[in-house]
Amino acid sequence: MKVTLTINNSNRTLDVRPDEFLLDTLRRLGYLSVQRGCDTSSCGLCAIWVDDEIVLSCTYLTVRATGKSITTLEGVRDEAKKFTDFLADEGAEQCGYCAPGFIMTVLAMEKELINPSEEEICHYLNGNLCRCTGYKGQIRAVKKYLESKVARGEGRWLQ
């Protein structure tokens, strides 16, 4: 079936199977930041945005995305680089496999939550599995990152 998708602000018309998941479509189109992990919406590796909402693409049918705006890590490179540089400076970087989904989730959280507590950050990131870290450094770095954006006048943190 033919669908028209808007991916990272570019329109694409393509043929997809009715049962094709968005993860597979995006990978086929070369968006390699979208990783395959569990195929059950449990690990967060395939996290993207559909209409600026976080979506796990491994269980999201491509046909559902028709007429919606899809954003992958490739579409937010500048924001992602700032965040990953911050993680590295804080000693909280990851190996890279789960990082794209983690980054997409953190950037979505930044838009959605105002002044999140550490508990709220942990809850929001709950579906992102990482096998190489203990999360404490990442949670600390995320909180510090959000606070630093407010200090620069870029964030949504309440004073």
C-alpha atoms as a PDB file:
ATOM      1  CA  MET A   1       0.000   0.000   0.000  1.00  0.00           C
ATOM      2  CA  LYS A   2       1.190   3.510  -0.750  1.00  0.00           C
ATOM      3  CA  VAL A   3       1.806   5.934   2.129  1.00  0.00           C
ATOM      4  CA  THR A   4       3.192   9.433   2.392  1.00  0.00           C
ATOM      5  CA  LEU A   5       5.340  10.070   5.431  1.00  0.00           C
ATOM      6  CA  THR A   6       6.983  13.235   6.674  1.00  0.00           C
ATOM      7  CA  ILE A   7      10.319  12.184   8.152  1.00  0.00           C
ATOM      8  CA  ASN A   8      12.590  14.861   9.603  1.00  0.00           C
ATOM      9  CA  ASN A   9      10.647  17.499   7.633  1.00  0.00           C
ATOM     10  CA  SER A  10      11.010  15.652   4.290  1.00  0.00           C
ATOM     11  CA  ASN A  11       8.052  14.085   2.531  1.00  0.00           C
ATOM     12  CA  ARG A  12       8.455  10.513   1.292  1.00  0.00           C
ATOM     13  CA  THR A  13       5.928   8.481  -0.671  1.00  0.00           C
ATOM     14  CA  LEU A  14       6.573   4.756  -0.640  1.00  0.00           C
ATOM     15  CA  ASP A  15       5.013   1.337  -0.749  1.00  0.00           C
ATOM     16  CA  VAL A  16       4.726  -0.563   2.532  1.00  0.00           C
ATOM     17  CA  ARG A  17       3.069  -3.769   3.615  1.00  0.00           C
ATOM     18  CA  PRO A  18      -0.056  -3.257   5.757  1.00  0.00           C
ATOM     19  CA  ASP A  19       1.669  -5.106   8.625  1.00  0.00           C
ATOM     20  CA  GLU A  20       5.015  -3.272   8.354  1.00  0.00           C
ATOM     21  CA  PHE A  21       6.280  -1.585  11.497  1.00  0.00           C
ATOM     22  CA  LEU A  22       7.700   1.922  11.410  1.00  0.00           C
ATOM     23  CA  LEU A  23      11.053   0.675  12.727  1.00  0.00           C
ATOM     24  CA  ASP A  24      11.479  -1.501   9.635  1.00  0.00           C
ATOM     25  CA  THR A  25      10.372   1.270   7.276  1.00  0.00           C
ATOM     26  CA  LEU A  26      12.773   3.796   8.806  1.00  0.00           C
ATOM     27  CA  ARG A  27      15.710   1.371   8.752  1.00  0.00           C
ATOM     28  CA  ARG A  28      14.954   0.500   5.116  1.00  0.00           C
ATOM     29  CA  LEU A  29      15.043   4.228   4.303  1.00  0.00           C
ATOM     30  CA  GLY A  30      18.476   4.584   5.953  1.00  0.00           C
ATOM     31  CA  TYR A  31      17.542   6.031   9.352  1.00  0.00           C
ATOM     32  CA  LEU A  32      19.990   3.815  11.185  1.00  0.00           C
ATOM     33  CA  SER A  33      19.721   5.586  14.538  1.00  0.00           C
ATOM     34  CA  VAL A  34      16.466   3.694  15.043  1.00  0.00           C
ATOM     35  CA  GLN A  35      17.721   0.495  16.669  1.00  0.00           C
ATOM     36  CA  ARG A  36      16.116  -2.922  16.936  1.00  0.00           C
ATOM     37  CA  GLY A  37      16.070  -4.395  20.414  1.00  0.00           C
ATOM     38  CA  CYS A  38      13.124  -6.277  21.817  1.00  0.00           C
ATOM     39  CA  ASP A  39      10.299  -5.965  19.228  1.00  0.00           C
ATOM     40  CA  THR A  40       7.872  -5.667  22.170  1.00  0.00           C
ATOM     41  CA  SER A  41       8.085  -1.963  23.166  1.00  0.00           C
ATOM     42  CA  SER A  42      10.057  -2.887  26.266  1.00  0.00           C
ATOM     43  CA  CYS A  43      13.582  -1.539  25.742  1.00  0.00           C
ATOM     44  CA  GLY A  44      13.316   1.946  24.176  1.00  0.00           C
ATOM     45  CA  LEU A  45      15.991   1.388  21.519  1.00  0.00           C
ATOM     46  CA  CYS A  46      13.544   2.210  18.734  1.00  0.00           C
ATOM     47  CA  ALA A  47      12.271   5.482  20.281  1.00  0.00           C
ATOM     48  CA  ILE A  48      11.321   8.216  17.830  1.00  0.00           C
ATOM     49  CA  TRP A  49       8.803  11.069  17.845  1.00  0.00           C
ATOM     50  CA  VAL A  50       5.494  11.014  16.022  1.00  0.00           C
ATOM     51  CA  ASP A  51       3.909  14.457  16.138  1.00  0.00           C
ATOM     52  CA  ASP A  52       6.437  15.343  18.875  1.00  0.00           C
ATOM     53  CA  GLU A  53       5.301  12.479  21.128  1.00  0.00           C
ATOM     54  CA  ILE A  54       7.672   9.657  22.016  1.00  0.00           C
ATOM     55  CA  VAL A  55       6.747   6.433  20.196  1.00  0.00           C
ATOM     56  CA  LEU A  56       8.345   3.006  20.210  1.00  0.00           C
ATOM     57  CA  SER A  57       8.532   2.262  16.505  1.00  0.00           C
ATOM     58  CA  CYS A  58       8.984  -1.518  16.796  1.00  0.00           C
ATOM     59  CA  THR A  59       5.254  -1.939  17.456  1.00  0.00           C
ATOM     60  CA  TYR A  60       3.887   1.120  15.622  1.00  0.00           C
ATOM     61  CA  LEU A  61       2.463   0.298  12.193  1.00  0.00           C
ATOM     62  CA  THR A  62       3.813   2.483   9.416  1.00  0.00           C
ATOM     63  CA  VAL A  63       0.339   3.114   8.011  1.00  0.00           C
ATOM     64  CA  ARG A  64      -0.587   4.801  11.318  1.00  0.00           C
ATOM     65  CA  ALA A  65       2.080   7.433  10.637  1.00  0.00           C
ATOM     66  CA  THR A  66       0.480   8.647   7.409  1.00  0.00           C
ATOM     67  CA  GLY A  67      -0.070  12.395   7.656  1.00  0.00           C
ATOM     68  CA  LYS A  68       1.996  12.699  10.829  1.00  0.00           C
ATOM     69  CA  SER A  69       5.408  14.204  11.466  1.00  0.00           C
ATOM     70  CA  ILE A  70       8.100  11.625  12.264  1.00  0.00           C
ATOM     71  CA  THR A  71      11.365  12.674  13.889  1.00  0.00           C
ATOM     72  CA  THR A  72      14.399  10.446  14.271  1.00  0.00           C
ATOM     73  CA  LEU A  73      17.731  11.236  15.894  1.00  0.00           C
ATOM     74  CA  GLU A  74      18.981  12.315  12.454  1.00  0.00           C
ATOM     75  CA  GLY A  75      16.373  15.102  12.582  1.00  0.00           C
ATOM     76  CA  VAL A  76      17.601  16.545  15.902  1.00  0.00           C
ATOM     77  CA  ARG A  77      21.359  16.232  15.414  1.00  0.00           C
ATOM     78  CA  ASP A  78      22.288  19.581  16.941  1.00  0.00           C
ATOM     79  CA  GLU A  79      20.210  19.058  20.090  1.00  0.00           C
ATOM     80  CA  ALA A  80      21.446  15.475  20.359  1.00  0.00           C
ATOM     81  CA  LYS A  81      25.083  16.528  20.060  1.00  0.00           C
ATOM     82  CA  LYS A  82      24.713  19.085  22.849  1.00  0.00           C
ATOM     83  CA  PHE A  83      23.193  16.449  25.097  1.00  0.00           C
ATOM     84  CA  THR A  84      25.727  13.720  24.280  1.00  0.00           C
ATOM     85  CA  ASP A  85      28.613  16.135  24.793  1.00  0.00           C
ATOM     86  CA  PHE A  86      27.116  16.983  28.176  1.00  0.00           C
ATOM     87  CA  LEU A  87      26.810  13.281  29.061  1.00  0.00           C
ATOM     88  CA  ALA A  88      30.450  12.703  28.132  1.00  0.00           C
ATOM     89  CA  ASP A  89      31.607  15.703  30.177  1.00  0.00           C
ATOM     90  CA  GLU A  90      29.710  14.279  33.156  1.00  0.00           C
ATOM     91  CA  GLY A  91      31.242  10.824  32.709  1.00  0.00           C
ATOM     92  CA  ALA A  92      27.807   9.340  31.949  1.00  0.00           C
ATOM     93  CA  GLU A  93      28.203   8.403  28.296  1.00  0.00           C
ATOM     94  CA  GLN A  94      26.924   5.115  26.957  1.00  0.00           C
ATOM     95  CA  CYS A  95      28.372   2.587  24.525  1.00  0.00           C
ATOM     96  CA  GLY A  96      26.104   3.897  21.789  1.00  0.00           C
ATOM     97  CA  TYR A  97      23.693   1.087  21.022  1.00  0.00           C
ATOM     98  CA  CYS A  98      20.888   2.271  23.292  1.00  0.00           C
ATOM     99  CA  ALA A  99      21.971   5.920  23.148  1.00  0.00           C
ATOM    100  CA  PRO A 100      19.749   7.053  20.225  1.00  0.00           C
ATOM    101  CA  GLY A 101      16.546   5.906  21.942  1.00  0.00           C
ATOM    102  CA  PHE A 102      17.740   7.308  25.272  1.00  0.00           C
ATOM    103  CA  ILE A 103      18.553  10.673  23.677  1.00  0.00           C
ATOM    104  CA  MET A 104      15.184  10.872  21.911  1.00  0.00           C
ATOM    105  CA  THR A 105      13.441  10.123  25.204  1.00  0.00           C
ATOM    106  CA  VAL A 106      15.416  12.740  27.154  1.00  0.00           C
ATOM    107  CA  LEU A 107      14.762  15.396  24.509  1.00  0.00           C
ATOM    108  CA  ALA A 108      11.037  14.529  24.578  1.00  0.00           C
ATOM    109  CA  MET A 109      11.040  14.699  28.374  1.00  0.00           C
ATOM    110  CA  GLU A 110      12.655  18.123  28.186  1.00  0.00           C
ATOM    111  CA  LYS A 111       9.696  19.364  26.133  1.00  0.00           C
ATOM    112  CA  GLU A 112       7.056  17.685  28.253  1.00  0.00           C
ATOM    113  CA  LEU A 113       8.064  18.007  31.908  1.00  0.00           C
ATOM    114  CA  ILE A 114       8.673  21.212  33.818  1.00  0.00           C
ATOM    115  CA  ASN A 115      11.054  21.032  36.759  1.00  0.00           C
ATOM    116  CA  PRO A 116      11.124  17.225  37.002  1.00  0.00           C
ATOM    117  CA  SER A 117      12.326  15.616  40.197  1.00  0.00           C
ATOM    118  CA  GLU A 118      14.850  12.790  40.091  1.00  0.00           C
ATOM    119  CA  GLU A 119      11.959  10.379  40.663  1.00  0.00           C
ATOM    120  CA  GLU A 120      10.042  11.821  37.681  1.00  0.00           C
ATOM    121  CA  ILE A 121      13.155  11.576  35.493  1.00  0.00           C
ATOM    122  CA  CYS A 122      13.598   7.928  36.498  1.00  0.00           C
ATOM    123  CA  HIS A 123       9.924   7.237  35.789  1.00  0.00           C
ATOM    124  CA  TYR A 124      10.090   8.915  32.372  1.00  0.00           C
ATOM    125  CA  LEU A 125      13.211   6.967  31.411  1.00  0.00           C
ATOM    126  CA  ASN A 126      11.874   3.695  32.837  1.00  0.00           C
ATOM    127  CA  GLY A 127      11.399   2.059  29.415  1.00  0.00           C
ATOM    128  CA  ASN A 128      14.957   2.723  28.249  1.00  0.00           C
ATOM    129  CA  LEU A 129      17.133  -0.273  28.955  1.00  0.00           C
ATOM    130  CA  CYS A 130      20.893   0.042  29.053  1.00  0.00           C
ATOM    131  CA  ARG A 131      23.105  -2.965  29.593  1.00  0.00           C
ATOM    132  CA  CYS A 132      26.414  -1.166  30.061  1.00  0.00           C
ATOM    133  CA  THR A 133      25.755   1.348  32.868  1.00  0.00           C
ATOM    134  CA  GLY A 134      24.142   1.577  36.266  1.00  0.00           C
ATOM    135  CA  TYR A 135      21.898   4.539  35.358  1.00  0.00           C
ATOM    136  CA  LYS A 136      22.917   6.672  38.357  1.00  0.00           C
ATOM    137  CA  GLY A 137      25.407   8.699  36.337  1.00  0.00           C
ATOM    138  CA  GLN A 138      22.930   9.157  33.527  1.00  0.00           C
ATOM    139  CA  ILE A 139      20.102  10.285  35.832  1.00  0.00           C
ATOM    140  CA  ARG A 140      22.449  12.743  37.546  1.00  0.00           C
ATOM    141  CA  ALA A 141      23.635  14.045  34.170  1.00  0.00           C
ATOM    142  CA  VAL A 142      20.090  14.396  32.787  1.00  0.00           C
ATOM    143  CA  LYS A 143      19.009  16.438  35.812  1.00  0.00           C
ATOM    144  CA  LYS A 144      22.120  18.609  35.577  1.00  0.00           C
ATOM    145  CA  TYR A 145      21.634  19.024  31.809  1.00  0.00           C
ATOM    146  CA  LEU A 146      18.041  20.224  32.261  1.00  0.00           C
ATOM    147  CA  GLU A 147      19.125  22.618  35.008  1.00  0.00           C
ATOM    148  CA  SER A 148      21.946  23.990  32.851  1.00  0.00           C
ATOM    149  CA  LYS A 149      19.545  24.725  29.999  1.00  0.00           C
ATOM    150  CA  VAL A 150      17.383  26.790  32.336  1.00  0.00           C
ATOM    151  CA  ALA A 151      20.445  28.667  33.549  1.00  0.00           C
ATOM    152  CA  ARG A 152      21.145  29.594  29.906  1.00  0.00           C
ATOM    153  CA  GLY A 153      17.488  30.577  29.388  1.00  0.00           C
ATOM    154  CA  GLU A 154      16.810  27.606  27.112  1.00  0.00           C
ATOM    155  CA  GLY A 155      14.883  25.268  29.394  1.00  0.00           C
ATOM    156  CA  ARG A 156      11.504  24.833  30.996  1.00  0.00           C
ATOM    157  CA  TRP A 157      12.668  24.574  34.586  1.00  0.00           C
ATOM    158  CA  LEU A 158      10.624  26.553  37.081  1.00  0.00           C
ATOM    159  CA  GLN A 159      12.617  28.838  39.352  1.00  0.00           C
END
